[in-house]
Amino acid sequence: MVLLGAVAGVLSIAAFATISTAAEAPQLMFVQSAEDLKVDLAKSTFRLVKVNQQTLYFSDRPQRIVGHLKMAD
């Protein structure tokens, strides 16, 4: 199983808007797992194959946020 951590990004969900302003929006990191990974060196890309249906997300200080999202089929 391949385990990859995606680049940290800001997730704009309405629920987070109630706990923080735009200036202090949390930086979230994402984790996806897959059975295989296909790399295309010519295009400098990679593609996850047979991805798990759950994507985990988390943040560190000052707001410790964790959760998961179910991916669409």
C-alpha atoms as a PDB file:
ATOM      1  CA  MET A   1       0.000   0.000   0.000  1.00  0.00           C
ATOM      2  CA  VAL A   2       1.329   3.422  -0.937  1.00  0.00           C
ATOM      3  CA  LEU A   3       0.909   6.173   1.631  1.00  0.00           C
ATOM      4  CA  LEU A   4       1.249   9.764   0.502  1.00  0.00           C
ATOM      5  CA  GLY A   5       0.926  13.057   2.304  1.00  0.00           C
ATOM      6  CA  ALA A   6      -0.459  15.821   0.127  1.00  0.00           C
ATOM      7  CA  VAL A   7       0.814  19.367   0.256  1.00  0.00           C
ATOM      8  CA  ALA A   8      -0.645  21.436   3.075  1.00  0.00           C
ATOM      9  CA  GLY A   9      -3.408  23.718   1.967  1.00  0.00           C
ATOM     10  CA  VAL A  10      -6.185  25.837   3.300  1.00  0.00           C
ATOM     11  CA  LEU A  11      -9.532  24.103   3.299  1.00  0.00           C
ATOM     12  CA  SER A  12     -12.408  26.532   3.140  1.00  0.00           C
ATOM     13  CA  ILE A  13     -15.314  24.871   4.869  1.00  0.00           C
ATOM     14  CA  ALA A  14     -18.119  26.932   6.379  1.00  0.00           C
ATOM     15  CA  ALA A  15     -17.694  25.218   9.755  1.00  0.00           C
ATOM     16  CA  PHE A  16     -14.140  26.525  10.047  1.00  0.00           C
ATOM     17  CA  ALA A  17     -15.254  30.050   9.252  1.00  0.00           C
ATOM     18  CA  THR A  18     -17.031  30.224  12.595  1.00  0.00           C
ATOM     19  CA  ILE A  19     -13.852  29.470  14.571  1.00  0.00           C
ATOM     20  CA  SER A  20     -11.358  31.596  12.666  1.00  0.00           C
ATOM     21  CA  THR A  21     -11.074  34.617  10.441  1.00  0.00           C
ATOM     22  CA  ALA A  22      -9.520  34.546   6.978  1.00  0.00           C
ATOM     23  CA  ALA A  23      -6.206  35.815   8.398  1.00  0.00           C
ATOM     24  CA  GLU A  24      -5.914  32.874  10.788  1.00  0.00           C
ATOM     25  CA  ALA A  25      -7.467  30.079   8.695  1.00  0.00           C
ATOM     26  CA  PRO A  26      -5.967  26.696   9.583  1.00  0.00           C
ATOM     27  CA  GLN A  27      -3.374  25.078   7.334  1.00  0.00           C
ATOM     28  CA  LEU A  28      -4.548  21.516   6.720  1.00  0.00           C
ATOM     29  CA  MET A  29      -2.481  18.542   5.579  1.00  0.00           C
ATOM     30  CA  PHE A  30      -4.051  15.578   3.798  1.00  0.00           C
ATOM     31  CA  VAL A  31      -3.193  11.870   3.731  1.00  0.00           C
ATOM     32  CA  GLN A  32      -4.400   9.443   1.068  1.00  0.00           C
ATOM     33  CA  SER A  33      -3.532   5.771   0.707  1.00  0.00           C
ATOM     34  CA  ALA A  34      -3.602   3.708  -2.480  1.00  0.00           C
ATOM     35  CA  GLU A  35      -2.657   0.244  -3.672  1.00  0.00           C
ATOM     36  CA  ASP A  36      -0.314   1.515  -6.383  1.00  0.00           C
ATOM     37  CA  LEU A  37       1.362   4.602  -7.820  1.00  0.00           C
ATOM     38  CA  LYS A  38       1.965   5.418 -11.498  1.00  0.00           C
ATOM     39  CA  VAL A  39       4.745   7.893 -12.298  1.00  0.00           C
ATOM     40  CA  ASP A  40       5.074   9.747 -15.612  1.00  0.00           C
ATOM     41  CA  LEU A  41       8.562  11.255 -15.679  1.00  0.00           C
ATOM     42  CA  ALA A  42       7.968  12.968 -19.035  1.00  0.00           C
ATOM     43  CA  LYS A  43       5.058  14.968 -17.597  1.00  0.00           C
ATOM     44  CA  SER A  44       6.500  15.191 -14.047  1.00  0.00           C
ATOM     45  CA  THR A  45       3.291  13.760 -12.603  1.00  0.00           C
ATOM     46  CA  PHE A  46       2.175  10.851 -10.488  1.00  0.00           C
ATOM     47  CA  ARG A  47      -1.222   9.187 -10.170  1.00  0.00           C
ATOM     48  CA  LEU A  48      -2.632   7.127  -7.324  1.00  0.00           C
ATOM     49  CA  VAL A  49      -4.216   3.841  -8.411  1.00  0.00           C
ATOM     50  CA  LYS A  50      -7.029   2.134  -6.447  1.00  0.00           C
ATOM     51  CA  VAL A  51      -7.263   4.929  -3.885  1.00  0.00           C
ATOM     52  CA  ASN A  52      -8.795   4.251  -0.484  1.00  0.00           C
ATOM     53  CA  GLN A  53     -12.225   5.884  -0.075  1.00  0.00           C
ATOM     54  CA  GLN A  54     -11.147   7.825   3.045  1.00  0.00           C
ATOM     55  CA  THR A  55      -8.956  10.936   3.017  1.00  0.00           C
ATOM     56  CA  LEU A  56      -7.584  12.033   6.376  1.00  0.00           C
ATOM     57  CA  TYR A  57      -6.844  15.663   7.241  1.00  0.00           C
ATOM     58  CA  PHE A  58      -5.149  17.309  10.191  1.00  0.00           C
ATOM     59  CA  SER A  59      -3.569  20.546  11.336  1.00  0.00           C
ATOM     60  CA  ASP A  60      -1.131  21.544  14.026  1.00  0.00           C
ATOM     61  CA  ARG A  61      -1.024  24.546  16.319  1.00  0.00           C
ATOM     62  CA  PRO A  62      -2.787  26.748  17.172  1.00  0.00           C
ATOM     63  CA  GLN A  63      -5.903  24.821  16.108  1.00  0.00           C
ATOM     64  CA  ARG A  64      -5.548  21.060  16.251  1.00  0.00           C
ATOM     65  CA  ILE A  65      -8.114  19.870  13.775  1.00  0.00           C
ATOM     66  CA  VAL A  66      -8.468  16.248  12.621  1.00  0.00           C
ATOM     67  CA  GLY A  67     -11.009  14.422  10.544  1.00  0.00           C
ATOM     68  CA  HIS A  68     -11.714  12.381   7.467  1.00  0.00           C
ATOM     69  CA  LEU A  69     -13.693  12.743   4.277  1.00  0.00           C
ATOM     70  CA  LYS A  70     -15.296   9.977   2.249  1.00  0.00           C
ATOM     71  CA  MET A  71     -14.383  10.278  -1.413  1.00  0.00           C
ATOM     72  CA  ALA A  72     -17.054   9.944  -4.109  1.00  0.00           C
ATOM     73  CA  ASP A  73     -17.136   6.698  -6.095  1.00  0.00           C
END
